[in-house]
N, C-alpha and C. Protein backbone atom coordinates (compact mmCIF):
# COMPACT_ATOMS: atom_id res chain seq x y z
N MET A 1 -23.18 211.45 -207.36
CA MET A 1 -24.06 210.82 -206.62
C MET A 1 -23.22 209.96 -205.98
N ALA A 2 -23.06 208.60 -206.76
CA ALA A 2 -21.84 207.61 -205.92
C ALA A 2 -21.40 207.71 -204.83
N SER A 3 -20.46 208.94 -205.11
CA SER A 3 -20.23 209.40 -203.49
C SER A 3 -20.31 210.37 -202.82
N PHE A 4 -21.82 210.87 -203.20
CA PHE A 4 -22.27 210.43 -202.27
C PHE A 4 -22.76 210.62 -200.73
N SER A 5 -22.49 208.45 -201.52
CA SER A 5 -24.46 208.08 -200.81
C SER A 5 -23.06 206.90 -199.93
N VAL A 6 -21.57 207.01 -200.42
CA VAL A 6 -20.77 206.61 -200.23
C VAL A 6 -19.83 207.34 -199.00
N SER A 7 -19.75 207.87 -199.33
CA SER A 7 -20.19 209.50 -198.23
C SER A 7 -20.25 208.79 -196.78
N ALA A 8 -22.23 209.33 -197.60
CA ALA A 8 -22.46 209.54 -196.57
C ALA A 8 -23.47 207.94 -195.94
N LEU A 9 -22.74 207.38 -195.97
CA LEU A 9 -22.19 205.33 -195.50
C LEU A 9 -21.36 205.79 -194.58
N LEU A 10 -19.94 206.43 -194.85
CA LEU A 10 -19.30 206.00 -194.62
C LEU A 10 -19.85 206.93 -193.49
N LEU A 11 -19.61 208.46 -193.00
CA LEU A 11 -20.49 209.34 -192.14
C LEU A 11 -21.64 208.76 -190.92
N PHE A 12 -22.18 207.38 -191.54
CA PHE A 12 -23.10 207.02 -190.34
C PHE A 12 -22.26 206.00 -189.76
N LEU A 13 -21.17 205.64 -190.68
CA LEU A 13 -21.25 204.18 -189.82
C LEU A 13 -19.99 204.54 -189.05
N CYS A 14 -19.18 206.00 -188.92
CA CYS A 14 -18.61 206.49 -187.71
C CYS A 14 -19.29 206.45 -186.51
N LEU A 15 -20.28 207.96 -187.10
CA LEU A 15 -21.56 207.76 -185.88
C LEU A 15 -22.16 207.30 -184.82
N ALA A 16 -22.13 205.76 -185.14
CA ALA A 16 -22.32 204.83 -184.91
C ALA A 16 -21.61 203.81 -183.97
N ALA A 17 -20.11 204.16 -184.72
CA ALA A 17 -19.45 203.39 -183.68
C ALA A 17 -19.25 204.08 -181.98
N VAL A 18 -19.17 206.21 -182.54
CA VAL A 18 -18.89 206.64 -181.29
C VAL A 18 -20.40 206.73 -180.79
N ALA A 19 -21.44 206.53 -181.36
CA ALA A 19 -22.94 205.92 -180.81
C ALA A 19 -22.81 205.01 -179.39
N SER A 20 -22.02 204.15 -180.01
CA SER A 20 -21.75 202.55 -178.43
C SER A 20 -21.16 203.27 -177.76
N ALA A 21 -20.18 203.95 -177.88
CA ALA A 21 -18.87 203.86 -176.62
C ALA A 21 -19.49 204.43 -175.15
N GLN A 22 -18.72 203.67 -174.81
CA GLN A 22 -18.99 203.89 -173.49
C GLN A 22 -17.51 203.88 -172.06
N LEU A 23 -18.22 204.91 -171.11
CA LEU A 23 -17.18 205.03 -170.49
C LEU A 23 -16.27 203.43 -169.40
N SER A 24 -15.28 203.74 -168.94
CA SER A 24 -14.82 202.08 -169.00
C SER A 24 -13.33 203.53 -167.33
N PRO A 25 -14.30 202.18 -166.60
CA PRO A 25 -14.05 202.65 -165.44
C PRO A 25 -11.94 202.03 -165.15
N THR A 26 -11.46 201.79 -166.80
CA THR A 26 -10.13 201.11 -166.25
C THR A 26 -9.90 201.51 -167.35
N PHE A 27 -10.59 203.15 -167.56
CA PHE A 27 -9.90 203.60 -169.36
C PHE A 27 -8.77 204.71 -169.03
N TYR A 28 -7.70 204.17 -167.80
CA TYR A 28 -6.92 205.38 -167.08
C TYR A 28 -5.60 203.94 -166.69
N ASP A 29 -5.75 202.79 -166.52
CA ASP A 29 -5.09 202.01 -166.19
C ASP A 29 -3.66 201.74 -166.19
N THR A 30 -3.48 202.15 -167.44
CA THR A 30 -2.39 201.30 -168.27
C THR A 30 -1.25 202.76 -168.42
N SER A 31 -1.97 204.78 -168.13
CA SER A 31 -2.51 205.18 -168.81
C SER A 31 -1.29 205.91 -167.01
N CYS A 32 -1.86 206.48 -166.72
CA CYS A 32 -1.98 206.49 -164.91
C CYS A 32 -2.93 205.32 -163.57
N PRO A 33 -2.02 204.23 -163.81
CA PRO A 33 -2.82 203.42 -163.26
C PRO A 33 -3.56 203.91 -161.63
N ASN A 34 -2.84 205.47 -160.76
CA ASN A 34 -2.62 205.46 -160.21
C ASN A 34 -4.09 206.81 -159.54
N ALA A 35 -4.42 207.05 -160.85
CA ALA A 35 -5.31 208.13 -161.45
C ALA A 35 -7.00 207.96 -160.39
N LEU A 36 -7.80 206.14 -160.75
CA LEU A 36 -8.74 205.81 -159.95
C LEU A 36 -8.58 206.01 -157.90
N SER A 37 -7.72 205.87 -157.42
CA SER A 37 -7.08 205.29 -156.67
C SER A 37 -7.30 207.73 -155.85
N THR A 38 -6.10 208.43 -156.94
CA THR A 38 -6.12 209.37 -156.76
C THR A 38 -7.41 210.37 -156.55
N ILE A 39 -7.72 210.08 -156.84
CA ILE A 39 -9.77 210.55 -157.70
C ILE A 39 -10.48 210.51 -156.09
N LYS A 40 -10.17 209.55 -155.74
CA LYS A 40 -11.41 209.55 -154.46
C LYS A 40 -10.32 209.35 -153.46
N SER A 41 -9.40 209.60 -153.80
CA SER A 41 -8.92 210.20 -151.60
C SER A 41 -9.11 211.60 -152.70
N ALA A 42 -8.93 211.96 -152.77
CA ALA A 42 -9.36 213.77 -153.43
C ALA A 42 -10.43 213.72 -152.83
N VAL A 43 -11.22 213.21 -153.67
CA VAL A 43 -12.41 213.38 -153.71
C VAL A 43 -12.95 213.69 -152.08
N ASN A 44 -13.06 212.04 -151.36
CA ASN A 44 -13.06 211.66 -149.81
C ASN A 44 -12.88 212.53 -148.94
N ALA A 45 -11.22 213.61 -149.38
CA ALA A 45 -10.68 214.60 -148.25
C ALA A 45 -11.47 215.80 -149.08
N ALA A 46 -12.47 215.78 -149.76
CA ALA A 46 -12.80 217.60 -150.24
C ALA A 46 -14.33 217.48 -148.78
N VAL A 47 -15.06 215.50 -149.40
CA VAL A 47 -15.63 215.39 -148.10
C VAL A 47 -16.27 215.38 -146.97
N GLN A 48 -14.74 215.15 -146.46
CA GLN A 48 -14.63 215.47 -144.93
C GLN A 48 -14.76 217.43 -144.76
N LYS A 49 -13.43 217.28 -145.60
CA LYS A 49 -13.28 218.79 -145.51
C LYS A 49 -14.71 219.86 -145.04
N GLU A 50 -15.94 219.21 -146.41
CA GLU A 50 -17.31 219.98 -146.92
C GLU A 50 -17.91 219.61 -147.25
N ASN A 51 -18.98 218.58 -146.31
CA ASN A 51 -19.94 217.68 -145.88
C ASN A 51 -20.69 218.02 -147.30
N ARG A 52 -20.16 219.04 -148.04
CA ARG A 52 -21.73 219.79 -149.76
C ARG A 52 -20.96 219.43 -150.60
N MET A 53 -19.66 218.79 -150.27
CA MET A 53 -18.78 218.80 -150.91
C MET A 53 -19.21 217.85 -152.39
N GLY A 54 -19.80 216.70 -152.27
CA GLY A 54 -21.04 215.29 -153.07
C GLY A 54 -21.66 215.80 -153.86
N ALA A 55 -22.47 216.75 -153.16
CA ALA A 55 -23.18 217.08 -154.27
C ALA A 55 -23.40 218.12 -154.77
N SER A 56 -22.08 219.30 -154.27
CA SER A 56 -21.93 219.90 -155.38
C SER A 56 -21.39 220.07 -156.80
N LEU A 57 -20.30 218.30 -155.94
CA LEU A 57 -19.54 217.85 -157.55
C LEU A 57 -20.67 216.96 -158.50
N LEU A 58 -20.73 216.81 -157.97
CA LEU A 58 -22.65 215.59 -158.51
C LEU A 58 -23.83 217.10 -159.61
N ARG A 59 -23.59 218.72 -158.76
CA ARG A 59 -24.60 219.28 -159.67
C ARG A 59 -22.72 220.08 -160.09
N LEU A 60 -21.42 220.19 -159.90
CA LEU A 60 -21.01 220.26 -161.41
C LEU A 60 -21.00 219.84 -162.10
N HIS A 61 -21.65 218.55 -162.28
CA HIS A 61 -20.85 217.51 -163.83
C HIS A 61 -22.78 217.18 -164.54
N PHE A 62 -23.60 217.01 -163.60
CA PHE A 62 -24.80 216.97 -164.17
C PHE A 62 -25.56 218.15 -164.87
N HIS A 63 -25.66 219.08 -164.29
CA HIS A 63 -25.94 220.42 -164.33
C HIS A 63 -25.44 221.41 -164.94
N ASP A 64 -24.56 221.82 -164.25
CA ASP A 64 -23.11 223.79 -164.48
C ASP A 64 -23.10 222.48 -165.80
N CYS A 65 -22.39 221.56 -166.52
CA CYS A 65 -22.59 221.15 -167.18
C CYS A 65 -22.74 220.65 -168.13
N PHE A 66 -23.44 219.42 -168.17
CA PHE A 66 -24.25 219.50 -169.19
C PHE A 66 -25.25 220.28 -169.81
N VAL A 67 -26.32 220.74 -168.60
CA VAL A 67 -27.13 221.24 -169.12
C VAL A 67 -26.49 222.78 -170.19
N GLN A 68 -25.54 223.50 -168.84
CA GLN A 68 -25.16 225.09 -169.73
C GLN A 68 -24.73 224.32 -170.68
N ALA A 69 -23.49 224.08 -170.97
CA ALA A 69 -23.24 223.52 -172.59
C ALA A 69 -23.84 223.12 -173.41
N GLY A 70 -24.17 222.14 -173.31
CA GLY A 70 -26.05 222.12 -173.97
C GLY A 70 -26.30 222.75 -174.87
N SER A 71 -27.42 224.59 -173.76
CA SER A 71 -27.99 225.19 -174.04
C SER A 71 -27.06 226.06 -174.37
N PHE A 72 -25.92 226.37 -173.56
CA PHE A 72 -24.77 227.82 -173.94
C PHE A 72 -23.18 227.38 -174.05
N PRO A 73 -23.57 226.36 -176.04
CA PRO A 73 -22.21 225.86 -176.12
C PRO A 73 -20.39 226.50 -175.96
N SER A 74 -20.43 228.14 -175.61
CA SER A 74 -19.85 228.43 -175.93
C SER A 74 -19.06 228.52 -174.32
N LEU A 75 -20.06 227.65 -173.37
CA LEU A 75 -19.45 227.42 -172.10
C LEU A 75 -19.07 226.87 -171.73
N ALA A 76 -18.87 225.53 -172.62
CA ALA A 76 -18.14 223.89 -172.76
C ALA A 76 -16.45 223.92 -172.72
N PRO A 77 -15.89 224.90 -173.05
CA PRO A 77 -15.08 224.69 -171.82
C PRO A 77 -14.66 225.14 -170.83
N SER A 78 -15.76 225.86 -169.90
CA SER A 78 -15.71 226.32 -168.98
C SER A 78 -15.50 225.14 -168.17
N CYS A 79 -16.04 223.72 -168.17
CA CYS A 79 -16.37 222.75 -168.02
C CYS A 79 -15.64 221.62 -167.68
N MET A 80 -14.64 222.49 -168.15
CA MET A 80 -13.35 221.32 -168.37
C MET A 80 -12.17 221.69 -167.44
N ALA A 81 -12.70 222.48 -166.62
CA ALA A 81 -11.60 223.37 -166.31
C ALA A 81 -11.77 223.03 -164.53
N SER A 82 -10.50 222.98 -164.03
CA SER A 82 -11.35 222.67 -162.68
C SER A 82 -12.00 223.34 -161.69
N ARG A 83 -12.32 222.90 -160.87
CA ARG A 83 -13.08 223.63 -160.15
C ARG A 83 -13.45 223.36 -158.59
N LEU A 84 -12.19 222.76 -158.26
CA LEU A 84 -12.20 221.52 -156.91
C LEU A 84 -11.51 222.78 -156.17
N GLY A 85 -10.33 223.65 -156.64
CA GLY A 85 -9.66 224.30 -156.28
C GLY A 85 -10.30 225.23 -155.32
């Protein structure tokens, strides 16, 4: 019983640590210093080429991936694929 309690406590602590994780705009600063500027220029170029691209990207991230991946977990890997091309 004691080992179950310890395991449950460790699981709870791990879940609590993950739940408090936040996104950071500086995450790739050391591994890929040009990531933010590259992404910004690619998105700006796409929006200049097609005005609706900004709205399409928002829909991709907030609807297509989160809603469908939550409803159908088998679709989650497709959200990782690049759909900008």
